[in-house]
Amino acid sequence: MKVPRLLVPLVAIALLPGAAAGGLVATGLPADAAAAPASAPPSQPTLVDVRAAHHPGFDRVVFEFRGGLPASHRARYVDRLVADGSGRTVPVAGRAVLQVRLGNARAHTDTGAATVPARTAYALPNVMTTVRGGDFEGVVTYGLGVAKRTTFQVTTRRQPARVVVDVRAGFRTVERKVWFLDRAHFVAGTPPYFVPRLRPVLPMTPATGLLDRLFAGVLPAERADGLRLLRSGANGFAIRSIRNGIARVQLAGGCSSRGSTVTIAGEIMPTLRRLGTVDWVKIYDPSGHTEHPRGARDSIPACLEP
């Protein structure tokens, strides 16, 4: 008896390897193809260094990566740096914030430890600080605090993998002193507790430029020497006025001495008094109060009392 023509394909399939186990295997594929695990996703490039230096006419900020370049990069000026995930505002010293977003990248190790500092200060003409705004769901965000909003250019380099941000800085600055806390002197009880360090400042707005540099913080080498920015809870400031030899400065964000005899007043007052137009400094809390608002004398708010 002849086998019906329609049954021949079924017989052929039954004779294929693996058919006895109940699996249909496509011709030309290995028997275990269906069970092969999906390939692991490629690892994200890891940020391993953030550095900056001045070149003729511009300041260069370099984001260096291990494992290749980020899949995307974008830079733009923003009103404020917003933390990825939480949505809170991240303080950035300076007159403008240039935000840099790096896609498909990370700034931490497999254990979650940060690979680069969250904040770094620089004594450059324009770029004064880099501040991390996020390392969240494969996106690394930084804010560059600048002394002046200028044009910029973003490029990439390889060997090693780098995202390079060049910010124009072809303008004149003057060197002025900014005071910081000398932690070793304070702990040892040997004055002076505050010491000056030079910073470049735009000559047209020296008071604002000086306090911007103060809030940007100490340079990495200065930190290694024991210098610190003593914030006393403040994360910013506003110059209310400079008139009749009196500079009036209002703190922003917070204000607390935390019971200490040294506060941010010990940094602000000598820094501003170096200006030829300032003899006295009155510091106000974020609500606009100070102990002695009138008269030719220094003044601090109650929140900076020990």
C-alpha atoms as a PDB file:
ATOM      1  CA  MET A   1       0.000   0.000   0.000  1.00  0.00           C
ATOM      2  CA  LYS A   2       1.308   3.462  -0.865  1.00  0.00           C
ATOM      3  CA  VAL A   3       1.834   6.013   1.840  1.00  0.00           C
ATOM      4  CA  PRO A   4      -0.421   9.012   1.248  1.00  0.00           C
ATOM      5  CA  ARG A   5       1.579  11.973  -0.102  1.00  0.00           C
ATOM      6  CA  LEU A   6       0.392  14.294   2.750  1.00  0.00           C
ATOM      7  CA  LEU A   7       1.938  12.083   5.427  1.00  0.00           C
ATOM      8  CA  VAL A   8       5.487  12.262   4.060  1.00  0.00           C
ATOM      9  CA  PRO A   9       6.429  15.638   5.665  1.00  0.00           C
ATOM     10  CA  LEU A  10       5.235  14.421   9.059  1.00  0.00           C
ATOM     11  CA  VAL A  11       7.327  11.299   8.826  1.00  0.00           C
ATOM     12  CA  ALA A  12      10.347  13.369   7.848  1.00  0.00           C
ATOM     13  CA  ILE A  13       9.887  15.667  10.816  1.00  0.00           C
ATOM     14  CA  ALA A  14       9.556  12.736  13.176  1.00  0.00           C
ATOM     15  CA  LEU A  15      12.910  11.420  12.008  1.00  0.00           C
ATOM     16  CA  LEU A  16      14.779  14.694  12.713  1.00  0.00           C
ATOM     17  CA  PRO A  17      17.121  14.743  15.737  1.00  0.00           C
ATOM     18  CA  GLY A  18      15.347  15.922  18.817  1.00  0.00           C
ATOM     19  CA  ALA A  19      11.875  15.228  17.520  1.00  0.00           C
ATOM     20  CA  ALA A  20      11.507  12.230  19.832  1.00  0.00           C
ATOM     21  CA  ALA A  21      11.855  14.615  22.796  1.00  0.00           C
ATOM     22  CA  GLY A  22       8.845  16.531  21.557  1.00  0.00           C
ATOM     23  CA  GLY A  23      10.704  19.563  20.123  1.00  0.00           C
ATOM     24  CA  LEU A  24      10.505  20.757  16.542  1.00  0.00           C
ATOM     25  CA  VAL A  25      13.929  21.883  15.372  1.00  0.00           C
ATOM     26  CA  ALA A  26      14.316  24.251  12.424  1.00  0.00           C
ATOM     27  CA  THR A  27      16.458  22.828   9.643  1.00  0.00           C
ATOM     28  CA  GLY A  28      19.990  24.300   9.661  1.00  0.00           C
ATOM     29  CA  LEU A  29      20.010  25.302  13.391  1.00  0.00           C
ATOM     30  CA  PRO A  30      21.769  23.385  16.179  1.00  0.00           C
ATOM     31  CA  ALA A  31      19.508  21.389  18.420  1.00  0.00           C
ATOM     32  CA  ASP A  32      20.260  23.556  21.483  1.00  0.00           C
ATOM     33  CA  ALA A  33      19.717  26.930  19.739  1.00  0.00           C
ATOM     34  CA  ALA A  34      16.405  27.569  21.437  1.00  0.00           C
ATOM     35  CA  ALA A  35      17.964  27.041  24.877  1.00  0.00           C
ATOM     36  CA  ALA A  36      21.003  29.300  24.319  1.00  0.00           C
ATOM     37  CA  PRO A  37      21.006  32.191  26.844  1.00  0.00           C
ATOM     38  CA  ALA A  38      20.725  35.761  25.588  1.00  0.00           C
ATOM     39  CA  SER A  39      24.076  37.539  25.311  1.00  0.00           C
ATOM     40  CA  ALA A  40      24.927  39.811  28.263  1.00  0.00           C
ATOM     41  CA  PRO A  41      24.334  43.533  27.629  1.00  0.00           C
ATOM     42  CA  PRO A  42      27.496  45.536  26.967  1.00  0.00           C
ATOM     43  CA  SER A  43      28.960  47.188  30.048  1.00  0.00           C
ATOM     44  CA  GLN A  44      28.546  50.944  30.417  1.00  0.00           C
ATOM     45  CA  PRO A  45      31.604  53.177  30.055  1.00  0.00           C
ATOM     46  CA  THR A  46      32.797  54.281  33.503  1.00  0.00           C
ATOM     47  CA  LEU A  47      33.825  57.863  34.267  1.00  0.00           C
ATOM     48  CA  VAL A  48      37.291  57.673  35.836  1.00  0.00           C
ATOM     49  CA  ASP A  49      38.503  61.282  35.826  1.00  0.00           C
ATOM     50  CA  VAL A  50      37.246  64.861  35.584  1.00  0.00           C
ATOM     51  CA  ARG A  51      39.914  67.511  35.112  1.00  0.00           C
ATOM     52  CA  ALA A  52      40.236  71.029  33.772  1.00  0.00           C
ATOM     53  CA  ALA A  53      42.982  73.346  32.534  1.00  0.00           C
ATOM     54  CA  HIS A  54      43.345  76.712  30.824  1.00  0.00           C
ATOM     55  CA  HIS A  55      44.446  77.046  27.203  1.00  0.00           C
ATOM     56  CA  PRO A  56      44.895  80.268  25.213  1.00  0.00           C
ATOM     57  CA  GLY A  57      41.403  81.696  24.910  1.00  0.00           C
ATOM     58  CA  PHE A  58      39.454  78.878  26.576  1.00  0.00           C
ATOM     59  CA  ASP A  59      39.131  76.586  29.590  1.00  0.00           C
ATOM     60  CA  ARG A  60      39.023  72.865  28.828  1.00  0.00           C
ATOM     61  CA  VAL A  61      37.098  70.352  30.957  1.00  0.00           C
ATOM     62  CA  VAL A  62      37.817  66.674  30.247  1.00  0.00           C
ATOM     63  CA  PHE A  63      35.595  63.730  31.199  1.00  0.00           C
ATOM     64  CA  GLU A  64      37.683  60.567  30.801  1.00  0.00           C
ATOM     65  CA  PHE A  65      36.115  57.105  30.572  1.00  0.00           C
ATOM     66  CA  ARG A  66      37.167  53.485  30.847  1.00  0.00           C
ATOM     67  CA  GLY A  67      35.362  51.073  28.506  1.00  0.00           C
ATOM     68  CA  GLY A  68      34.721  53.400  25.593  1.00  0.00           C
ATOM     69  CA  LEU A  69      32.795  56.604  25.004  1.00  0.00           C
ATOM     70  CA  PRO A  70      29.254  57.301  26.270  1.00  0.00           C
ATOM     71  CA  ALA A  71      26.547  56.618  23.718  1.00  0.00           C
ATOM     72  CA  SER A  72      25.520  60.279  23.758  1.00  0.00           C
ATOM     73  CA  HIS A  73      26.606  63.641  25.114  1.00  0.00           C
ATOM     74  CA  ARG A  74      24.838  66.968  25.364  1.00  0.00           C
ATOM     75  CA  ALA A  75      25.787  70.334  26.856  1.00  0.00           C
ATOM     76  CA  ARG A  76      23.605  73.402  27.412  1.00  0.00           C
ATOM     77  CA  TYR A  77      23.201  76.286  29.808  1.00  0.00           C
ATOM     78  CA  VAL A  78      20.498  75.815  32.450  1.00  0.00           C
ATOM     79  CA  ASP A  79      18.965  78.031  35.125  1.00  0.00           C
ATOM     80  CA  ARG A  80      19.870  75.474  37.799  1.00  0.00           C
ATOM     81  CA  LEU A  81      21.377  72.017  38.107  1.00  0.00           C
ATOM     82  CA  VAL A  82      18.680  69.487  39.009  1.00  0.00           C
ATOM     83  CA  ALA A  83      19.641  66.196  40.658  1.00  0.00           C
ATOM     84  CA  ASP A  84      18.628  63.180  38.583  1.00  0.00           C
ATOM     85  CA  GLY A  85      16.134  61.027  40.431  1.00  0.00           C
ATOM     86  CA  SER A  86      15.301  63.361  43.335  1.00  0.00           C
ATOM     87  CA  GLY A  87      14.642  66.559  41.382  1.00  0.00           C
ATOM     88  CA  ARG A  88      16.305  68.725  44.041  1.00  0.00           C
ATOM     89  CA  THR A  89      18.470  71.698  43.129  1.00  0.00           C
ATOM     90  CA  VAL A  90      22.208  71.069  43.390  1.00  0.00           C
ATOM     91  CA  PRO A  91      24.111  74.274  44.318  1.00  0.00           C
ATOM     92  CA  VAL A  92      26.732  75.320  41.767  1.00  0.00           C
ATOM     93  CA  ALA A  93      28.897  78.393  42.339  1.00  0.00           C
ATOM     94  CA  GLY A  94      29.196  80.896  39.511  1.00  0.00           C
ATOM     95  CA  ARG A  95      27.242  83.279  37.297  1.00  0.00           C
ATOM     96  CA  ALA A  96      25.985  80.505  34.982  1.00  0.00           C
ATOM     97  CA  VAL A  97      25.684  76.708  34.938  1.00  0.00           C
ATOM     98  CA  LEU A  98      26.679  74.686  31.876  1.00  0.00           C
ATOM     99  CA  GLN A  99      25.042  71.272  32.172  1.00  0.00           C
ATOM    100  CA  VAL A 100      26.735  68.226  30.607  1.00  0.00           C
ATOM    101  CA  ARG A 101      24.695  65.014  30.232  1.00  0.00           C
ATOM    102  CA  LEU A 102      26.458  61.757  29.311  1.00  0.00           C
ATOM    103  CA  GLY A 103      24.181  58.921  28.182  1.00  0.00           C
ATOM    104  CA  ASN A 104      24.771  55.200  28.730  1.00  0.00           C
ATOM    105  CA  ALA A 105      27.539  55.882  31.240  1.00  0.00           C
ATOM    106  CA  ARG A 106      28.174  55.593  34.943  1.00  0.00           C
ATOM    107  CA  ALA A 107      30.349  57.242  37.604  1.00  0.00           C
ATOM    108  CA  HIS A 108      30.490  54.362  40.090  1.00  0.00           C
ATOM    109  CA  THR A 109      31.983  50.901  40.485  1.00  0.00           C
ATOM    110  CA  ASP A 110      30.095  47.604  40.613  1.00  0.00           C
ATOM    111  CA  THR A 111      29.914  48.024  44.399  1.00  0.00           C
ATOM    112  CA  GLY A 112      28.368  51.491  44.068  1.00  0.00           C
ATOM    113  CA  ALA A 113      31.431  53.507  45.111  1.00  0.00           C
ATOM    114  CA  ALA A 114      31.906  56.808  43.300  1.00  0.00           C
ATOM    115  CA  THR A 115      34.812  56.810  40.837  1.00  0.00           C
ATOM    116  CA  VAL A 116      35.349  60.594  40.814  1.00  0.00           C
ATOM    117  CA  PRO A 117      34.705  63.417  43.324  1.00  0.00           C
ATOM    118  CA  ALA A 118      31.255  64.973  43.353  1.00  0.00           C
ATOM    119  CA  ARG A 119      32.750  68.502  43.446  1.00  0.00           C
ATOM    120  CA  THR A 120      36.033  69.923  42.244  1.00  0.00           C
ATOM    121  CA  ALA A 121      37.175  73.560  42.272  1.00  0.00           C
ATOM    122  CA  TYR A 122      39.563  75.144  39.762  1.00  0.00           C
ATOM    123  CA  ALA A 123      41.482  78.427  39.669  1.00  0.00           C
ATOM    124  CA  LEU A 124      40.753  79.034  35.967  1.00  0.00           C
ATOM    125  CA  PRO A 125      39.578  82.280  34.349  1.00  0.00           C
ATOM    126  CA  ASN A 126      36.058  81.019  33.573  1.00  0.00           C
ATOM    127  CA  VAL A 127      35.384  77.458  34.802  1.00  0.00           C
ATOM    128  CA  MET A 128      35.505  77.533  38.591  1.00  0.00           C
ATOM    129  CA  THR A 129      33.900  74.219  39.543  1.00  0.00           C
ATOM    130  CA  THR A 130      32.478  70.919  38.292  1.00  0.00           C
ATOM    131  CA  VAL A 131      29.575  69.468  40.289  1.00  0.00           C
ATOM    132  CA  ARG A 132      27.929  66.081  39.768  1.00  0.00           C
ATOM    133  CA  GLY A 133      24.172  66.354  39.453  1.00  0.00           C
ATOM    134  CA  GLY A 134      23.426  62.702  38.900  1.00  0.00           C
ATOM    135  CA  ASP A 135      24.615  59.166  38.251  1.00  0.00           C
ATOM    136  CA  PHE A 136      21.206  57.605  37.711  1.00  0.00           C
ATOM    137  CA  GLU A 137      19.831  54.922  35.382  1.00  0.00           C
ATOM    138  CA  GLY A 138      22.736  55.072  32.979  1.00  0.00           C
ATOM    139  CA  VAL A 139      22.981  58.862  32.777  1.00  0.00           C
ATOM    140  CA  VAL A 140      25.806  60.917  34.325  1.00  0.00           C
ATOM    141  CA  THR A 141      25.130  64.643  34.738  1.00  0.00           C
ATOM    142  CA  TYR A 142      27.543  67.421  35.670  1.00  0.00           C
ATOM    143  CA  GLY A 143      27.197  71.155  36.111  1.00  0.00           C
ATOM    144  CA  LEU A 144      30.078  73.456  35.224  1.00  0.00           C
ATOM    145  CA  GLY A 145      29.990  76.665  37.272  1.00  0.00           C
ATOM    146  CA  VAL A 146      31.431  79.516  35.217  1.00  0.00           C
ATOM    147  CA  ALA A 147      32.341  83.115  35.961  1.00  0.00           C
ATOM    148  CA  LYS A 148      30.833  84.309  32.684  1.00  0.00           C
ATOM    149  CA  ARG A 149      28.362  82.767  30.254  1.00  0.00           C
ATOM    150  CA  THR A 150      30.281  82.295  26.997  1.00  0.00           C
ATOM    151  CA  THR A 151      30.226  80.049  23.944  1.00  0.00           C
ATOM    152  CA  PHE A 152      31.455  76.451  24.213  1.00  0.00           C
ATOM    153  CA  GLN A 153      32.278  73.430  22.075  1.00  0.00           C
ATOM    154  CA  VAL A 154      31.986  69.699  22.822  1.00  0.00           C
ATOM    155  CA  THR A 155      34.137  67.069  21.102  1.00  0.00           C
ATOM    156  CA  THR A 156      35.173  63.470  21.729  1.00  0.00           C
ATOM    157  CA  ARG A 157      38.605  61.856  21.742  1.00  0.00           C
ATOM    158  CA  ARG A 158      39.823  58.278  21.894  1.00  0.00           C
ATOM    159  CA  GLN A 159      42.785  56.451  23.443  1.00  0.00           C
ATOM    160  CA  PRO A 160      41.778  57.190  26.129  1.00  0.00           C
ATOM    161  CA  ALA A 161      38.054  57.812  25.637  1.00  0.00           C
ATOM    162  CA  ARG A 162      37.212  61.409  26.524  1.00  0.00           C
ATOM    163  CA  VAL A 163      34.399  63.916  26.211  1.00  0.00           C
ATOM    164  CA  VAL A 164      35.990  67.369  25.988  1.00  0.00           C
ATOM    165  CA  VAL A 165      34.179  70.631  26.747  1.00  0.00           C
ATOM    166  CA  ASP A 166      35.943  73.844  25.727  1.00  0.00           C
ATOM    167  CA  VAL A 167      34.478  77.001  27.299  1.00  0.00           C
ATOM    168  CA  ARG A 168      35.606  80.349  25.930  1.00  0.00           C
ATOM    169  CA  ALA A 169      37.720  82.331  28.417  1.00  0.00           C
ATOM    170  CA  GLY A 170      39.355  85.030  26.327  1.00  0.00           C
ATOM    171  CA  PHE A 171      38.931  87.848  28.823  1.00  0.00           C
ATOM    172  CA  ARG A 172      41.028  89.578  31.449  1.00  0.00           C
ATOM    173  CA  THR A 173      41.004  88.610  35.115  1.00  0.00           C
ATOM    174  CA  VAL A 174      42.826  89.898  38.182  1.00  0.00           C
ATOM    175  CA  GLU A 175      44.313  87.840  41.000  1.00  0.00           C
ATOM    176  CA  ARG A 176      42.660  88.422  44.398  1.00  0.00           C
ATOM    177  CA  LYS A 177      42.740  86.684  47.758  1.00  0.00           C
ATOM    178  CA  VAL A 178      39.947  84.472  49.092  1.00  0.00           C
ATOM    179  CA  TRP A 179      40.021  83.202  52.704  1.00  0.00           C
ATOM    180  CA  PHE A 180      39.402  79.588  53.739  1.00  0.00           C
ATOM    181  CA  LEU A 181      39.481  77.682  57.031  1.00  0.00           C
ATOM    182  CA  ASP A 182      42.799  76.092  57.945  1.00  0.00           C
ATOM    183  CA  ARG A 183      41.486  73.030  59.713  1.00  0.00           C
ATOM    184  CA  ALA A 184      44.846  72.003  61.209  1.00  0.00           C
ATOM    185  CA  HIS A 185      45.350  75.430  62.793  1.00  0.00           C
ATOM    186  CA  PHE A 186      41.829  75.416  64.191  1.00  0.00           C
ATOM    187  CA  VAL A 187      42.124  71.923  65.690  1.00  0.00           C
ATOM    188  CA  ALA A 188      45.495  72.825  67.226  1.00  0.00           C
ATOM    189  CA  GLY A 189      44.174  76.146  68.536  1.00  0.00           C
ATOM    190  CA  THR A 190      46.929  78.119  66.795  1.00  0.00           C
ATOM    191  CA  PRO A 191      45.651  81.203  64.901  1.00  0.00           C
ATOM    192  CA  PRO A 192      45.221  82.325  62.223  1.00  0.00           C
ATOM    193  CA  TYR A 193      42.322  79.979  61.581  1.00  0.00           C
ATOM    194  CA  PHE A 194      41.595  81.461  58.136  1.00  0.00           C
ATOM    195  CA  VAL A 195      44.229  81.830  55.418  1.00  0.00           C
ATOM    196  CA  PRO A 196      44.136  83.428  51.942  1.00  0.00           C
ATOM    197  CA  ARG A 197      44.565  81.809  48.554  1.00  0.00           C
ATOM    198  CA  LEU A 198      44.687  83.539  45.164  1.00  0.00           C
ATOM    199  CA  ARG A 199      41.861  83.259  42.645  1.00  0.00           C
ATOM    200  CA  PRO A 200      41.249  84.885  39.224  1.00  0.00           C
ATOM    201  CA  VAL A 201      38.332  87.341  39.332  1.00  0.00           C
ATOM    202  CA  LEU A 202      36.628  89.472  36.683  1.00  0.00           C
ATOM    203  CA  PRO A 203      37.651  93.085  37.377  1.00  0.00           C
ATOM    204  CA  MET A 204      34.178  94.575  36.763  1.00  0.00           C
ATOM    205  CA  THR A 205      32.401  92.702  39.593  1.00  0.00           C
ATOM    206  CA  PRO A 206      35.107  91.873  42.143  1.00  0.00           C
ATOM    207  CA  ALA A 207      32.844  91.368  45.192  1.00  0.00           C
ATOM    208  CA  THR A 208      30.562  88.915  43.404  1.00  0.00           C
ATOM    209  CA  GLY A 209      33.521  87.197  41.772  1.00  0.00           C
ATOM    210  CA  LEU A 210      35.301  86.775  45.095  1.00  0.00           C
ATOM    211  CA  LEU A 211      32.314  85.181  46.814  1.00  0.00           C
ATOM    212  CA  ASP A 212      31.659  82.960  43.798  1.00  0.00           C
ATOM    213  CA  ARG A 213      35.206  81.684  44.179  1.00  0.00           C
ATOM    214  CA  LEU A 214      34.690  81.246  47.909  1.00  0.00           C
ATOM    215  CA  PHE A 215      31.576  79.109  47.412  1.00  0.00           C
ATOM    216  CA  ALA A 216      33.307  77.090  44.681  1.00  0.00           C
ATOM    217  CA  GLY A 217      35.569  75.811  47.460  1.00  0.00           C
ATOM    218  CA  VAL A 218      39.196  74.818  47.830  1.00  0.00           C
ATOM    219  CA  LEU A 219      41.352  73.288  45.112  1.00  0.00           C
ATOM    220  CA  PRO A 220      42.317  69.595  45.407  1.00  0.00           C
ATOM    221  CA  ALA A 221      45.887  70.497  46.422  1.00  0.00           C
ATOM    222  CA  GLU A 222      44.585  72.950  49.034  1.00  0.00           C
ATOM    223  CA  ARG A 223      42.288  70.288  50.451  1.00  0.00           C
ATOM    224  CA  ALA A 224      45.264  67.950  50.745  1.00  0.00           C
ATOM    225  CA  ASP A 225      46.969  70.700  52.782  1.00  0.00           C
ATOM    226  CA  GLY A 226      44.040  70.831  55.211  1.00  0.00           C
ATOM    227  CA  LEU A 227      42.087  73.824  53.896  1.00  0.00           C
ATOM    228  CA  ARG A 228      38.301  73.704  53.907  1.00  0.00           C
ATOM    229  CA  LEU A 229      35.335  75.813  52.865  1.00  0.00           C
ATOM    230  CA  LEU A 230      33.301  76.427  56.013  1.00  0.00           C
ATOM    231  CA  ARG A 231      29.748  76.921  54.741  1.00  0.00           C
ATOM    232  CA  SER A 232      27.869  77.182  58.074  1.00  0.00           C
ATOM    233  CA  GLY A 233      24.809  75.775  56.305  1.00  0.00           C
ATOM    234  CA  ALA A 234      24.812  78.301  53.446  1.00  0.00           C
ATOM    235  CA  ASN A 235      24.924  77.208  49.806  1.00  0.00           C
ATOM    236  CA  GLY A 236      24.926  80.625  48.151  1.00  0.00           C
ATOM    237  CA  PHE A 237      24.760  84.390  48.619  1.00  0.00           C
ATOM    238  CA  ALA A 238      23.497  87.700  47.264  1.00  0.00           C
ATOM    239  CA  ILE A 239      25.282  91.050  47.417  1.00  0.00           C
ATOM    240  CA  ARG A 240      22.632  93.418  48.754  1.00  0.00           C
ATOM    241  CA  SER A 241      24.749  96.546  48.346  1.00  0.00           C
ATOM    242  CA  ILE A 242      28.202  98.059  48.691  1.00  0.00           C
ATOM    243  CA  ARG A 243      27.841 101.648  49.760  1.00  0.00           C
ATOM    244  CA  ASN A 244      29.586 104.105  52.106  1.00  0.00           C
ATOM    245  CA  GLY A 245      32.285 101.555  52.828  1.00  0.00           C
ATOM    246  CA  ILE A 246      29.786  98.882  53.958  1.00  0.00           C
ATOM    247  CA  ALA A 247      29.248  95.617  52.093  1.00  0.00           C
ATOM    248  CA  ARG A 248      25.946  93.869  52.821  1.00  0.00           C
ATOM    249  CA  VAL A 249      25.785  90.150  52.014  1.00  0.00           C
ATOM    250  CA  GLN A 250      22.777  87.860  52.427  1.00  0.00           C
ATOM    251  CA  LEU A 251      23.308  84.118  52.798  1.00  0.00           C
ATOM    252  CA  ALA A 252      21.115  81.624  50.942  1.00  0.00           C
ATOM    253  CA  GLY A 253      20.016  78.087  51.704  1.00  0.00           C
ATOM    254  CA  GLY A 254      20.697  77.992  55.443  1.00  0.00           C
ATOM    255  CA  CYS A 255      22.628  79.466  58.328  1.00  0.00           C
ATOM    256  CA  SER A 256      24.011  77.792  61.454  1.00  0.00           C
ATOM    257  CA  SER A 257      27.199  78.043  63.480  1.00  0.00           C
ATOM    258  CA  ARG A 258      26.549  74.552  64.853  1.00  0.00           C
ATOM    259  CA  GLY A 259      27.920  75.853  68.138  1.00  0.00           C
ATOM    260  CA  SER A 260      31.335  76.692  66.694  1.00  0.00           C
ATOM    261  CA  THR A 261      33.299  79.855  67.335  1.00  0.00           C
ATOM    262  CA  VAL A 262      34.410  79.912  63.667  1.00  0.00           C
ATOM    263  CA  THR A 263      31.886  80.359  60.858  1.00  0.00           C
ATOM    264  CA  ILE A 264      31.600  81.443  57.272  1.00  0.00           C
ATOM    265  CA  ALA A 265      31.846  85.033  58.531  1.00  0.00           C
ATOM    266  CA  GLY A 266      35.563  84.416  59.096  1.00  0.00           C
ATOM    267  CA  GLU A 267      35.895  83.780  55.359  1.00  0.00           C
ATOM    268  CA  ILE A 268      33.541  86.419  53.933  1.00  0.00           C
ATOM    269  CA  MET A 269      34.707  89.398  55.993  1.00  0.00           C
ATOM    270  CA  PRO A 270      38.460  89.338  55.241  1.00  0.00           C
ATOM    271  CA  THR A 271      37.779  88.407  51.616  1.00  0.00           C
ATOM    272  CA  LEU A 272      35.577  91.477  51.011  1.00  0.00           C
ATOM    273  CA  ARG A 273      37.645  93.830  53.145  1.00  0.00           C
ATOM    274  CA  ARG A 274      40.512  93.437  50.680  1.00  0.00           C
ATOM    275  CA  LEU A 275      38.487  95.547  48.270  1.00  0.00           C
ATOM    276  CA  GLY A 276      39.338  99.230  48.438  1.00  0.00           C
ATOM    277  CA  THR A 277      35.656 100.184  48.696  1.00  0.00           C
ATOM    278  CA  VAL A 278      34.877  97.964  51.722  1.00  0.00           C
ATOM    279  CA  ASP A 279      35.704  98.779  55.354  1.00  0.00           C
ATOM    280  CA  TRP A 280      32.853  96.922  57.077  1.00  0.00           C
ATOM    281  CA  VAL A 281      30.875  93.796  56.269  1.00  0.00           C
ATOM    282  CA  LYS A 282      27.334  93.037  57.402  1.00  0.00           C
ATOM    283  CA  ILE A 283      26.157  89.457  56.881  1.00  0.00           C
ATOM    284  CA  TYR A 284      22.422  88.693  56.804  1.00  0.00           C
ATOM    285  CA  ASP A 285      20.679  85.343  57.280  1.00  0.00           C
ATOM    286  CA  PRO A 286      18.460  83.915  54.494  1.00  0.00           C
ATOM    287  CA  SER A 287      15.461  85.751  56.003  1.00  0.00           C
ATOM    288  CA  GLY A 288      17.250  89.093  55.754  1.00  0.00           C
ATOM    289  CA  HIS A 289      18.217  89.670  59.414  1.00  0.00           C
ATOM    290  CA  THR A 290      21.514  90.738  61.002  1.00  0.00           C
ATOM    291  CA  GLU A 291      22.330  91.851  64.526  1.00  0.00           C
ATOM    292  CA  HIS A 292      23.553  95.379  63.715  1.00  0.00           C
ATOM    293  CA  PRO A 293      22.048  96.554  60.416  1.00  0.00           C
ATOM    294  CA  ARG A 294      23.035 100.201  60.999  1.00  0.00           C
ATOM    295  CA  GLY A 295      26.297 101.940  61.706  1.00  0.00           C
ATOM    296  CA  ALA A 296      29.910 101.623  60.593  1.00  0.00           C
ATOM    297  CA  ARG A 297      30.631  98.221  62.109  1.00  0.00           C
ATOM    298  CA  ASP A 298      30.699  94.558  61.172  1.00  0.00           C
ATOM    299  CA  SER A 299      27.608  92.498  61.830  1.00  0.00           C
ATOM    300  CA  ILE A 300      26.575  88.850  61.712  1.00  0.00           C
ATOM    301  CA  PRO A 301      23.139  87.253  62.091  1.00  0.00           C
ATOM    302  CA  ALA A 302      22.136  85.427  65.284  1.00  0.00           C
ATOM    303  CA  CYS A 303      22.438  82.085  63.489  1.00  0.00           C
ATOM    304  CA  LEU A 304      26.223  82.543  63.275  1.00  0.00           C
ATOM    305  CA  GLU A 305      26.630  83.101  67.006  1.00  0.00           C
ATOM    306  CA  PRO A 306      28.244  80.145  68.871  1.00  0.00           C
END
